[in-house]
Structure formats: C-alpha cells, structure tokens
Amino acid sequence: MLKVATEAEVLSRFGHALSDPTRSRILLALREGPRYPADLAEMLGTSRTNLSNHLACLRGCGLVTTASEGRRTRYELAQPEIAHALGDLLGLVLAVDPAACATSETEGCC
C-alpha cells in the first residue's frame, strides 16, 4: 500500500537520495530520460549489484518508478517535477566555507 509523504518527508527523502554520489548521478542520468539498469551501470562505472541497491533506495524514496518491458525493466523519474527540481538545484551557486564544518559537532555536514 502506498502512502503520500508529508512535505517534511518529501524533503527528507530527497535529501537522503542526494546524499550519496551514486544516487545523485542516477537521478541526473534519469533526468535525461528513462534507462535500463545495465546501461546505467555501464554509464556510471559501477557494478549492477551496487546499482540495484541504489535503485531500490530511490524507488523506496518515491523518486523513481519502473516499467516492465518483456524481460527488461526500465527506470524513470517518478514525476516530471523531479527533473525540474534537480535543474533548480543545479542552478544554485553555493559559497562554501570548509572551516564552518570543521568542528566535531558538525562532522560530515559538508
């Protein structure tokens, strides 16, 4: 049974998905259009097992969906708005201060 995520849950799930470089690269690839796992694994230079784990995470977060095509499964973004949101995020310019994340309280924040 599917449930509709609250606004805070949507942001949390999106943040979790983007927190891993491989998942971010998968989302960027799917932003260009639907893909098959074998093609994604080759494109990203990762194993199919590793890719499968990340795709399962992205499905669980509600960001990607699948479509069966015979014996193959195609992955795509769950909604066109996700591609738009990724584009908006890519348009940001961040002023990064590495010293701000140097304390033990914020270890790993940047």
PDB file of N, CA and C in Angstrom:
ATOM      1  N   MET A   1       0.839  -1.175   0.000  1.00  0.00           N
ATOM      2  CA  MET A   1       0.000   0.000   0.000  1.00  0.00           C
ATOM      3  C   MET A   1       0.891   1.248   0.000  1.00  0.00           C
ATOM      4  N   LEU A   2       0.619   2.160  -0.907  1.00  0.00           N
ATOM      5  CA  LEU A   2       1.372   3.399  -0.989  1.00  0.00           C
ATOM      6  C   LEU A   2       0.801   4.436  -0.043  1.00  0.00           C
ATOM      7  N   LYS A   3       1.664   5.309   0.464  1.00  0.00           N
ATOM      8  CA  LYS A   3       1.184   6.412   1.290  1.00  0.00           C
ATOM      9  C   LYS A   3       1.763   7.704   0.734  1.00  0.00           C
ATOM     10  N   VAL A   4       1.060   8.769   0.925  1.00  0.00           N
ATOM     11  CA  VAL A   4       1.509  10.078   0.473  1.00  0.00           C
ATOM     12  C   VAL A   4       2.389  10.686   1.558  1.00  0.00           C
ATOM     13  N   ALA A   5       3.577  11.104   1.162  1.00  0.00           N
ATOM     14  CA  ALA A   5       4.528  11.668   2.120  1.00  0.00           C
ATOM     15  C   ALA A   5       4.152  13.111   2.448  1.00  0.00           C
ATOM     16  N   THR A   6       4.432  13.503   3.686  1.00  0.00           N
ATOM     17  CA  THR A   6       4.240  14.897   4.085  1.00  0.00           C
ATOM     18  C   THR A   6       5.348  15.742   3.453  1.00  0.00           C
ATOM     19  N   GLU A   7       5.220  17.060   3.529  1.00  0.00           N
ATOM     20  CA  GLU A   7       6.244  17.947   2.966  1.00  0.00           C
ATOM     21  C   GLU A   7       7.610  17.676   3.578  1.00  0.00           C
ATOM     22  N   ALA A   8       7.649  17.524   4.893  1.00  0.00           N
ATOM     23  CA  ALA A   8       8.926  17.265   5.567  1.00  0.00           C
ATOM     24  C   ALA A   8       9.506  15.926   5.132  1.00  0.00           C
ATOM     25  N   GLU A   9       8.658  14.918   4.953  1.00  0.00           N
ATOM     26  CA  GLU A   9       9.128  13.613   4.496  1.00  0.00           C
ATOM     27  C   GLU A   9       9.661  13.680   3.068  1.00  0.00           C
ATOM     28  N   VAL A  10       9.007  14.461   2.220  1.00  0.00           N
ATOM     29  CA  VAL A  10       9.477  14.625   0.839  1.00  0.00           C
ATOM     30  C   VAL A  10      10.883  15.197   0.837  1.00  0.00           C
ATOM     31  N   LEU A  11      11.098  16.254   1.609  1.00  0.00           N
ATOM     32  CA  LEU A  11      12.428  16.867   1.662  1.00  0.00           C
ATOM     33  C   LEU A  11      13.459  15.911   2.247  1.00  0.00           C
ATOM     34  N   SER A  12      13.084  15.178   3.273  1.00  0.00           N
ATOM     35  CA  SER A  12      13.995  14.223   3.894  1.00  0.00           C
ATOM     36  C   SER A  12      14.381  13.119   2.918  1.00  0.00           C
ATOM     37  N   ARG A  13      13.417  12.589   2.202  1.00  0.00           N
ATOM     38  CA  ARG A  13      13.683  11.517   1.236  1.00  0.00           C
ATOM     39  C   ARG A  13      14.546  12.040   0.087  1.00  0.00           C
ATOM     40  N   PHE A  14      14.263  13.226  -0.387  1.00  0.00           N
ATOM     41  CA  PHE A  14      15.047  13.816  -1.471  1.00  0.00           C
ATOM     42  C   PHE A  14      16.474  14.050  -0.992  1.00  0.00           C
ATOM     43  N   GLY A  15      16.617  14.569   0.224  1.00  0.00           N
ATOM     44  CA  GLY A  15      17.944  14.802   0.786  1.00  0.00           C
ATOM     45  C   GLY A  15      18.724  13.511   0.949  1.00  0.00           C
ATOM     46  N   HIS A  16      18.047  12.467   1.432  1.00  0.00           N
ATOM     47  CA  HIS A  16      18.712  11.174   1.591  1.00  0.00           C
ATOM     48  C   HIS A  16      19.181  10.654   0.240  1.00  0.00           C
ATOM     49  N   ALA A  17      18.333  10.757  -0.772  1.00  0.00           N
ATOM     50  CA  ALA A  17      18.706  10.284  -2.105  1.00  0.00           C
ATOM     51  C   ALA A  17      19.920  11.034  -2.630  1.00  0.00           C
ATOM     52  N   LEU A  18      19.954  12.339  -2.444  1.00  0.00           N
ATOM     53  CA  LEU A  18      21.055  13.148  -2.956  1.00  0.00           C
ATOM     54  C   LEU A  18      22.317  13.061  -2.101  1.00  0.00           C
ATOM     55  N   SER A  19      22.227  12.479  -0.907  1.00  0.00           N
ATOM     56  CA  SER A  19      23.385  12.418  -0.017  1.00  0.00           C
ATOM     57  C   SER A  19      24.443  11.429  -0.502  1.00  0.00           C
ATOM     58  N   ASP A  20      24.104  10.590  -1.441  1.00  0.00           N
ATOM     59  CA  ASP A  20      25.056   9.620  -1.978  1.00  0.00           C
ATOM     60  C   ASP A  20      25.394   9.995  -3.428  1.00  0.00           C
ATOM     61  N   PRO A  21      26.690  10.089  -3.753  1.00  0.00           N
ATOM     62  CA  PRO A  21      27.078  10.485  -5.118  1.00  0.00           C
ATOM     63  C   PRO A  21      26.533   9.557  -6.205  1.00  0.00           C
ATOM     64  N   THR A  22      26.477   8.266  -5.952  1.00  0.00           N
ATOM     65  CA  THR A  22      25.962   7.346  -6.974  1.00  0.00           C
ATOM     66  C   THR A  22      24.478   7.586  -7.208  1.00  0.00           C
ATOM     67  N   ARG A  23      23.718   7.751  -6.129  1.00  0.00           N
ATOM     68  CA  ARG A  23      22.279   8.027  -6.304  1.00  0.00           C
ATOM     69  C   ARG A  23      22.061   9.359  -7.013  1.00  0.00           C
ATOM     70  N   SER A  24      22.876  10.355  -6.696  1.00  0.00           N
ATOM     71  CA  SER A  24      22.764  11.645  -7.383  1.00  0.00           C
ATOM     72  C   SER A  24      23.019  11.487  -8.874  1.00  0.00           C
ATOM     73  N   ARG A  25      24.035  10.712  -9.212  1.00  0.00           N
ATOM     74  CA  ARG A  25      24.356  10.501 -10.625  1.00  0.00           C
ATOM     75  C   ARG A  25      23.248   9.728 -11.337  1.00  0.00           C
ATOM     76  N   ILE A  26      22.626   8.774 -10.647  1.00  0.00           N
ATOM     77  CA  ILE A  26      21.499   8.041 -11.229  1.00  0.00           C
ATOM     78  C   ILE A  26      20.357   9.007 -11.528  1.00  0.00           C
ATOM     79  N   LEU A  27      20.022   9.857 -10.566  1.00  0.00           N
ATOM     80  CA  LEU A  27      18.931  10.818 -10.771  1.00  0.00           C
ATOM     81  C   LEU A  27      19.242  11.761 -11.932  1.00  0.00           C
ATOM     82  N   LEU A  28      20.484  12.205 -12.030  1.00  0.00           N
ATOM     83  CA  LEU A  28      20.863  13.087 -13.136  1.00  0.00           C
ATOM     84  C   LEU A  28      20.753  12.363 -14.476  1.00  0.00           C
ATOM     85  N   ALA A  29      21.135  11.097 -14.511  1.00  0.00           N
ATOM     86  CA  ALA A  29      21.005  10.322 -15.751  1.00  0.00           C
ATOM     87  C   ALA A  29      19.541  10.144 -16.122  1.00  0.00           C
ATOM     88  N   LEU A  30      18.702   9.850 -15.136  1.00  0.00           N
ATOM     89  CA  LEU A  30      17.274   9.662 -15.403  1.00  0.00           C
ATOM     90  C   LEU A  30      16.590  10.983 -15.747  1.00  0.00           C
ATOM     91  N   ARG A  31      17.201  12.077 -15.353  1.00  0.00           N
ATOM     92  CA  ARG A  31      16.675  13.393 -15.727  1.00  0.00           C
ATOM     93  C   ARG A  31      16.670  13.544 -17.254  1.00  0.00           C
ATOM     94  N   GLU A  32      17.625  12.887 -17.895  1.00  0.00           N
ATOM     95  CA  GLU A  32      17.721  12.946 -19.358  1.00  0.00           C
ATOM     96  C   GLU A  32      16.723  12.009 -20.044  1.00  0.00           C
ATOM     97  N   GLY A  33      16.197  11.044 -19.285  1.00  0.00           N
ATOM     98  CA  GLY A  33      15.216  10.124 -19.843  1.00  0.00           C
ATOM     99  C   GLY A  33      15.330   8.755 -19.217  1.00  0.00           C
ATOM    100  N   PRO A  34      14.347   7.876 -19.490  1.00  0.00           N
ATOM    101  CA  PRO A  34      14.344   6.523 -18.921  1.00  0.00           C
ATOM    102  C   PRO A  34      15.590   5.741 -19.332  1.00  0.00           C
ATOM    103  N   ARG A  35      16.001   4.809 -18.459  1.00  0.00           N
ATOM    104  CA  ARG A  35      17.192   3.996 -18.710  1.00  0.00           C
ATOM    105  C   ARG A  35      16.980   2.590 -18.154  1.00  0.00           C
ATOM    106  N   TYR A  36      17.766   1.677 -18.701  1.00  0.00           N
ATOM    107  CA  TYR A  36      17.801   0.308 -18.216  1.00  0.00           C
ATOM    108  C   TYR A  36      18.974   0.155 -17.252  1.00  0.00           C
ATOM    109  N   PRO A  37      18.852  -0.727 -16.249  1.00  0.00           N
ATOM    110  CA  PRO A  37      19.917  -0.894 -15.261  1.00  0.00           C
ATOM    111  C   PRO A  37      21.288  -1.195 -15.870  1.00  0.00           C
ATOM    112  N   ALA A  38      21.352  -2.069 -16.854  1.00  0.00           N
ATOM    113  CA  ALA A  38      22.648  -2.404 -17.457  1.00  0.00           C
ATOM    114  C   ALA A  38      23.293  -1.163 -18.063  1.00  0.00           C
ATOM    115  N   ASP A  39      22.495  -0.338 -18.711  1.00  0.00           N
ATOM    116  CA  ASP A  39      23.018   0.896 -19.312  1.00  0.00           C
ATOM    117  C   ASP A  39      23.487   1.867 -18.239  1.00  0.00           C
ATOM    118  N   LEU A  40      22.708   1.985 -17.163  1.00  0.00           N
ATOM    119  CA  LEU A  40      23.095   2.872 -16.064  1.00  0.00           C
ATOM    120  C   LEU A  40      24.393   2.404 -15.411  1.00  0.00           C
ATOM    121  N   ALA A  41      24.514   1.096 -15.174  1.00  0.00           N
ATOM    122  CA  ALA A  41      25.723   0.565 -14.540  1.00  0.00           C
ATOM    123  C   ALA A  41      26.952   0.867 -15.392  1.00  0.00           C
ATOM    124  N   GLU A  42      26.828   0.676 -16.686  1.00  0.00           N
ATOM    125  CA  GLU A  42      27.957   0.965 -17.583  1.00  0.00           C
ATOM    126  C   GLU A  42      28.268   2.457 -17.602  1.00  0.00           C
ATOM    127  N   MET A  43      27.243   3.271 -17.698  1.00  0.00           N
ATOM    128  CA  MET A  43      27.404   4.721 -17.749  1.00  0.00           C
ATOM    129  C   MET A  43      28.086   5.251 -16.490  1.00  0.00           C
ATOM    130  N   LEU A  44      27.706   4.708 -15.337  1.00  0.00           N
ATOM    131  CA  LEU A  44      28.215   5.191 -14.061  1.00  0.00           C
ATOM    132  C   LEU A  44      29.479   4.469 -13.607  1.00  0.00           C
ATOM    133  N   GLY A  45      29.856   3.403 -14.307  1.00  0.00           N
ATOM    134  CA  GLY A  45      31.046   2.657 -13.940  1.00  0.00           C
ATOM    135  C   GLY A  45      30.919   1.946 -12.607  1.00  0.00           C
ATOM    136  N   THR A  46      29.761   1.361 -12.364  1.00  0.00           N
ATOM    137  CA  THR A  46      29.528   0.641 -11.112  1.00  0.00           C
ATOM    138  C   THR A  46      28.995  -0.749 -11.424  1.00  0.00           C
ATOM    139  N   SER A  47      29.027  -1.620 -10.433  1.00  0.00           N
ATOM    140  CA  SER A  47      28.503  -2.971 -10.638  1.00  0.00           C
ATOM    141  C   SER A  47      26.977  -2.934 -10.683  1.00  0.00           C
ATOM    142  N   ARG A  48      26.420  -3.936 -11.312  1.00  0.00           N
ATOM    143  CA  ARG A  48      24.955  -4.000 -11.383  1.00  0.00           C
ATOM    144  C   ARG A  48      24.346  -4.249 -10.010  1.00  0.00           C
ATOM    145  N   THR A  49      25.073  -4.974  -9.154  1.00  0.00           N
ATOM    146  CA  THR A  49      24.584  -5.209  -7.790  1.00  0.00           C
ATOM    147  C   THR A  49      24.523  -3.901  -7.019  1.00  0.00           C
ATOM    148  N   ASN A  50      25.589  -3.115  -7.088  1.00  0.00           N
ATOM    149  CA  ASN A  50      25.624  -1.821  -6.409  1.00  0.00           C
ATOM    150  C   ASN A  50      24.523  -0.912  -6.955  1.00  0.00           C
ATOM    151  N   LEU A  51      24.395  -0.883  -8.260  1.00  0.00           N
ATOM    152  CA  LEU A  51      23.362  -0.061  -8.888  1.00  0.00           C
ATOM    153  C   LEU A  51      21.968  -0.497  -8.447  1.00  0.00           C
ATOM    154  N   SER A  52      21.750  -1.805  -8.387  1.00  0.00           N
ATOM    155  CA  SER A  52      20.452  -2.333  -7.976  1.00  0.00           C
ATOM    156  C   SER A  52      20.083  -1.865  -6.569  1.00  0.00           C
ATOM    157  N   ASN A  53      21.054  -1.859  -5.666  1.00  0.00           N
ATOM    158  CA  ASN A  53      20.797  -1.390  -4.305  1.00  0.00           C
ATOM    159  C   ASN A  53      20.399   0.081  -4.294  1.00  0.00           C
ATOM    160  N   HIS A  54      21.083   0.896  -5.089  1.00  0.00           N
ATOM    161  CA  HIS A  54      20.761   2.324  -5.146  1.00  0.00           C
ATOM    162  C   HIS A  54      19.403   2.559  -5.803  1.00  0.00           C
ATOM    163  N   LEU A  55      19.093   1.802  -6.847  1.00  0.00           N
ATOM    164  CA  LEU A  55      17.783   1.944  -7.487  1.00  0.00           C
ATOM    165  C   LEU A  55      16.665   1.551  -6.527  1.00  0.00           C
ATOM    166  N   ALA A  56      16.883   0.519  -5.726  1.00  0.00           N
ATOM    167  CA  ALA A  56      15.883   0.124  -4.737  1.00  0.00           C
ATOM    168  C   ALA A  56      15.664   1.241  -3.724  1.00  0.00           C
ATOM    169  N   CYS A  57      16.748   1.892  -3.314  1.00  0.00           N
ATOM    170  CA  CYS A  57      16.635   3.018  -2.382  1.00  0.00           C
ATOM    171  C   CYS A  57      15.826   4.149  -3.015  1.00  0.00           C
ATOM    172  N   LEU A  58      16.129   4.477  -4.262  1.00  0.00           N
ATOM    173  CA  LEU A  58      15.428   5.569  -4.947  1.00  0.00           C
ATOM    174  C   LEU A  58      13.950   5.231  -5.151  1.00  0.00           C
ATOM    175  N   ARG A  59      13.654   3.963  -5.400  1.00  0.00           N
ATOM    176  CA  ARG A  59      12.248   3.543  -5.503  1.00  0.00           C
ATOM    177  C   ARG A  59      11.569   3.685  -4.158  1.00  0.00           C
ATOM    178  N   GLY A  60      12.243   3.255  -3.098  1.00  0.00           N
ATOM    179  CA  GLY A  60      11.684   3.360  -1.756  1.00  0.00           C
ATOM    180  C   GLY A  60      11.433   4.791  -1.338  1.00  0.00           C
ATOM    181  N   CYS A  61      12.273   5.703  -1.832  1.00  0.00           N
ATOM    182  CA  CYS A  61      12.096   7.128  -1.533  1.00  0.00           C
ATOM    183  C   CYS A  61      10.987   7.748  -2.384  1.00  0.00           C
ATOM    184  N   GLY A  62      10.493   7.003  -3.370  1.00  0.00           N
ATOM    185  CA  GLY A  62       9.426   7.507  -4.227  1.00  0.00           C
ATOM    186  C   GLY A  62       9.907   8.397  -5.353  1.00  0.00           C
ATOM    187  N   LEU A  63      11.209   8.346  -5.667  1.00  0.00           N
ATOM    188  CA  LEU A  63      11.761   9.239  -6.691  1.00  0.00           C
ATOM    189  C   LEU A  63      11.840   8.607  -8.072  1.00  0.00           C
ATOM    190  N   VAL A  64      11.898   7.276  -8.134  1.00  0.00           N
ATOM    191  CA  VAL A  64      11.916   6.601  -9.429  1.00  0.00           C
ATOM    192  C   VAL A  64      10.841   5.516  -9.461  1.00  0.00           C
ATOM    193  N   THR A  65      10.436   5.183 -10.660  1.00  0.00           N
ATOM    194  CA  THR A  65       9.476   4.105 -10.873  1.00  0.00           C
ATOM    195  C   THR A  65      10.032   3.170 -11.936  1.00  0.00           C
ATOM    196  N   THR A  66       9.384   2.025 -12.075  1.00  0.00           N
ATOM    197  CA  THR A  66       9.800   1.055 -13.078  1.00  0.00           C
ATOM    198  C   THR A  66       8.660   0.776 -14.046  1.00  0.00           C
ATOM    199  N   ALA A  67       9.062   0.330 -15.217  1.00  0.00           N
ATOM    200  CA  ALA A  67       8.101  -0.132 -16.214  1.00  0.00           C
ATOM    201  C   ALA A  67       8.676  -1.407 -16.813  1.00  0.00           C
ATOM    202  N   SER A  68       7.900  -2.484 -16.768  1.00  0.00           N
ATOM    203  CA  SER A  68       8.349  -3.757 -17.334  1.00  0.00           C
ATOM    204  C   SER A  68       8.179  -3.727 -18.835  1.00  0.00           C
ATOM    205  N   GLU A  69       9.216  -4.182 -19.507  1.00  0.00           N
ATOM    206  CA  GLU A  69       9.190  -4.306 -20.966  1.00  0.00           C
ATOM    207  C   GLU A  69       9.688  -5.702 -21.303  1.00  0.00           C
ATOM    208  N   GLY A  70       8.778  -6.642 -21.327  1.00  0.00           N
ATOM    209  CA  GLY A  70       9.179  -8.033 -21.535  1.00  0.00           C
ATOM    210  C   GLY A  70       9.997  -8.508 -20.347  1.00  0.00           C
ATOM    211  N   ARG A  71      11.213  -8.923 -20.617  1.00  0.00           N
ATOM    212  CA  ARG A  71      12.090  -9.409 -19.554  1.00  0.00           C
ATOM    213  C   ARG A  71      12.956  -8.302 -18.977  1.00  0.00           C
ATOM    214  N   ARG A  72      12.831  -7.110 -19.488  1.00  0.00           N
ATOM    215  CA  ARG A  72      13.639  -5.977 -19.028  1.00  0.00           C
ATOM    216  C   ARG A  72      12.799  -5.023 -18.197  1.00  0.00           C
ATOM    217  N   THR A  73      13.481  -4.282 -17.335  1.00  0.00           N
ATOM    218  CA  THR A  73      12.827  -3.271 -16.515  1.00  0.00           C
ATOM    219  C   THR A  73      13.480  -1.927 -16.797  1.00  0.00           C
ATOM    220  N   ARG A  74      12.647  -0.958 -17.108  1.00  0.00           N
ATOM    221  CA  ARG A  74      13.120   0.399 -17.395  1.00  0.00           C
ATOM    222  C   ARG A  74      12.848   1.266 -16.169  1.00  0.00           C
ATOM    223  N   TYR A  75      13.807   2.107 -15.828  1.00  0.00           N
ATOM    224  CA  TYR A  75      13.664   3.039 -14.703  1.00  0.00           C
ATOM    225  C   TYR A  75      13.490   4.446 -15.235  1.00  0.00           C
ATOM    226  N   GLU A  76      12.662   5.219 -14.529  1.00  0.00           N
ATOM    227  CA  GLU A  76      12.457   6.618 -14.892  1.00  0.00           C
ATOM    228  C   GLU A  76      12.087   7.399 -13.633  1.00  0.00           C
ATOM    229  N   LEU A  77      12.214   8.713 -13.722  1.00  0.00           N
ATOM    230  CA  LEU A  77      11.811   9.561 -12.600  1.00  0.00           C
ATOM    231  C   LEU A  77      10.316   9.389 -12.368  1.00  0.00           C
ATOM    232  N   ALA A  78       9.930   9.389 -11.114  1.00  0.00           N
ATOM    233  CA  ALA A  78       8.530   9.143 -10.762  1.00  0.00           C
ATOM    234  C   ALA A  78       7.609  10.268 -11.234  1.00  0.00           C
ATOM    235  N   GLN A  79       8.132  11.496 -11.308  1.00  0.00           N
ATOM    236  CA  GLN A  79       7.332  12.645 -11.727  1.00  0.00           C
ATOM    237  C   GLN A  79       8.222  13.621 -12.498  1.00  0.00           C
ATOM    238  N   PRO A  80       7.680  14.304 -13.486  1.00  0.00           N
ATOM    239  CA  PRO A  80       8.474  15.295 -14.224  1.00  0.00           C
ATOM    240  C   PRO A  80       8.994  16.415 -13.318  1.00  0.00           C
ATOM    241  N   GLU A  81       8.272  16.693 -12.242  1.00  0.00           N
ATOM    242  CA  GLU A  81       8.690  17.759 -11.325  1.00  0.00           C
ATOM    243  C   GLU A  81      10.039  17.456 -10.666  1.00  0.00           C
ATOM    244  N   ILE A  82      10.400  16.175 -10.576  1.00  0.00           N
ATOM    245  CA  ILE A  82      11.697  15.815 -10.002  1.00  0.00           C
ATOM    246  C   ILE A  82      12.817  16.311 -10.899  1.00  0.00           C
ATOM    247  N   ALA A  83      12.655  16.174 -12.202  1.00  0.00           N
ATOM    248  CA  ALA A  83      13.662  16.688 -13.146  1.00  0.00           C
ATOM    249  C   ALA A  83      13.769  18.202 -13.009  1.00  0.00           C
ATOM    250  N   HIS A  84      12.641  18.857 -12.858  1.00  0.00           N
ATOM    251  CA  HIS A  84      12.631  20.308 -12.687  1.00  0.00           C
ATOM    252  C   HIS A  84      13.344  20.703 -11.392  1.00  0.00           C
ATOM    253  N   ALA A  85      13.064  19.980 -10.306  1.00  0.00           N
ATOM    254  CA  ALA A  85      13.704  20.267  -9.015  1.00  0.00           C
ATOM    255  C   ALA A  85      15.209  20.071  -9.103  1.00  0.00           C
ATOM    256  N   LEU A  86      15.632  19.009  -9.780  1.00  0.00           N
ATOM    257  CA  LEU A  86      17.079  18.787  -9.956  1.00  0.00           C
ATOM    258  C   LEU A  86      17.709  19.921 -10.746  1.00  0.00           C
ATOM    259  N   GLY A  87      17.020  20.384 -11.766  1.00  0.00           N
ATOM    260  CA  GLY A  87      17.522  21.518 -12.548  1.00  0.00           C
ATOM    261  C   GLY A  87      17.649  22.766 -11.698  1.00  0.00           C
ATOM    262  N   ASP A  88      16.661  23.010 -10.853  1.00  0.00           N
ATOM    263  CA  ASP A  88      16.725  24.166  -9.951  1.00  0.00           C
ATOM    264  C   ASP A  88      17.912  24.045  -9.000  1.00  0.00           C
ATOM    265  N   LEU A  89      18.136  22.846  -8.455  1.00  0.00           N
ATOM    266  CA  LEU A  89      19.263  22.642  -7.547  1.00  0.00           C
ATOM    267  C   LEU A  89      20.597  22.843  -8.269  1.00  0.00           C
ATOM    268  N   LEU A  90      20.691  22.384  -9.508  1.00  0.00           N
ATOM    269  CA  LEU A  90      21.924  22.549 -10.276  1.00  0.00           C
ATOM    270  C   LEU A  90      22.210  24.014 -10.583  1.00  0.00           C
ATOM    271  N   GLY A  91      21.172  24.833 -10.580  1.00  0.00           N
ATOM    272  CA  GLY A  91      21.333  26.256 -10.849  1.00  0.00           C
ATOM    273  C   GLY A  91      21.816  27.064  -9.655  1.00  0.00           C
ATOM    274  N   LEU A  92      21.876  26.444  -8.483  1.00  0.00           N
ATOM    275  CA  LEU A  92      22.326  27.154  -7.290  1.00  0.00           C
ATOM    276  C   LEU A  92      23.830  27.392  -7.327  1.00  0.00           C
ATOM    277  N   VAL A  93      24.239  28.511  -6.786  1.00  0.00           N
ATOM    278  CA  VAL A  93      25.652  28.800  -6.592  1.00  0.00           C
ATOM    279  C   VAL A  93      25.868  28.884  -5.086  1.00  0.00           C
ATOM    280  N   LEU A  94      26.713  27.999  -4.570  1.00  0.00           N
ATOM    281  CA  LEU A  94      26.935  27.927  -3.130  1.00  0.00           C
ATOM    282  C   LEU A  94      28.279  28.524  -2.762  1.00  0.00           C
ATOM    283  N   ALA A  95      28.295  29.376  -1.750  1.00  0.00           N
ATOM    284  CA  ALA A  95      29.537  29.892  -1.183  1.00  0.00           C
ATOM    285  C   ALA A  95      29.907  28.946  -0.046  1.00  0.00           C
ATOM    286  N   VAL A  96      30.953  28.171  -0.234  1.00  0.00           N
ATOM    287  CA  VAL A  96      31.312  27.116   0.713  1.00  0.00           C
ATOM    288  C   VAL A  96      32.416  27.588   1.649  1.00  0.00           C
ATOM    289  N   ASP A  97      32.210  27.383   2.940  1.00  0.00           N
ATOM    290  CA  ASP A  97      33.212  27.705   3.954  1.00  0.00           C
ATOM    291  C   ASP A  97      33.597  26.403   4.646  1.00  0.00           C
ATOM    292  N   PRO A  98      34.683  25.748   4.200  1.00  0.00           N
ATOM    293  CA  PRO A  98      35.085  24.475   4.793  1.00  0.00           C
ATOM    294  C   PRO A  98      35.351  24.567   6.291  1.00  0.00           C
ATOM    295  N   ALA A  99      35.779  25.705   6.776  1.00  0.00           N
ATOM    296  CA  ALA A  99      36.066  25.868   8.200  1.00  0.00           C
ATOM    297  C   ALA A  99      34.788  25.753   9.042  1.00  0.00           C
ATOM    298  N   ALA A 100      33.647  26.064   8.472  1.00  0.00           N
ATOM    299  CA  ALA A 100      32.396  26.012   9.225  1.00  0.00           C
ATOM    300  C   ALA A 100      31.996  24.586   9.589  1.00  0.00           C
ATOM    301  N   CYS A 101      32.513  23.610   8.890  1.00  0.00           N
ATOM    302  CA  CYS A 101      32.162  22.211   9.149  1.00  0.00           C
ATOM    303  C   CYS A 101      33.294  21.457   9.838  1.00  0.00           C
ATOM    304  N   ALA A 102      34.254  22.166  10.371  1.00  0.00           N
ATOM    305  CA  ALA A 102      35.431  21.515  10.945  1.00  0.00           C
ATOM    306  C   ALA A 102      35.246  21.040  12.374  1.00  0.00           C
ATOM    307  N   THR A 103      34.186  21.441  13.050  1.00  0.00           N
ATOM    308  CA  THR A 103      34.016  21.051  14.452  1.00  0.00           C
ATOM    309  C   THR A 103      33.436  19.650  14.550  1.00  0.00           C
ATOM    310  N   SER A 104      33.651  18.995  15.664  1.00  0.00           N
ATOM    311  CA  SER A 104      33.148  17.634  15.860  1.00  0.00           C
ATOM    312  C   SER A 104      31.619  17.588  15.878  1.00  0.00           C
ATOM    313  N   GLU A 105      30.976  18.684  16.289  1.00  0.00           N
ATOM    314  CA  GLU A 105      29.504  18.713  16.332  1.00  0.00           C
ATOM    315  C   GLU A 105      28.897  18.591  14.953  1.00  0.00           C
ATOM    316  N   THR A 106      29.581  19.106  13.944  1.00  0.00           N
ATOM    317  CA  THR A 106      29.039  19.098  12.584  1.00  0.00           C
ATOM    318  C   THR A 106      29.832  18.187  11.666  1.00  0.00           C
ATOM    319  N   GLU A 107      30.533  17.219  12.231  1.00  0.00           N
ATOM    320  CA  GLU A 107      31.343  16.305  11.441  1.00  0.00           C
ATOM    321  C   GLU A 107      30.514  15.697  10.320  1.00  0.00           C
ATOM    322  N   GLY A 108      31.022  15.839   9.118  1.00  0.00           N
ATOM    323  CA  GLY A 108      30.351  15.248   7.981  1.00  0.00           C
ATOM    324  C   GLY A 108      29.201  16.061   7.423  1.00  0.00           C
ATOM    325  N   CYS A 109      29.012  17.282   7.863  1.00  0.00           N
ATOM    326  CA  CYS A 109      27.872  18.060   7.374  1.00  0.00           C
ATOM    327  C   CYS A 109      28.101  18.583   5.969  1.00  0.00           C
ATOM    328  N   CYS A 110      29.328  18.697   5.539  1.00  0.00           N
ATOM    329  CA  CYS A 110      29.603  19.246   4.201  1.00  0.00           C
ATOM    330  C   CYS A 110      30.221  18.189   3.297  1.00  0.00           C
TER     331      CYS A 110
END
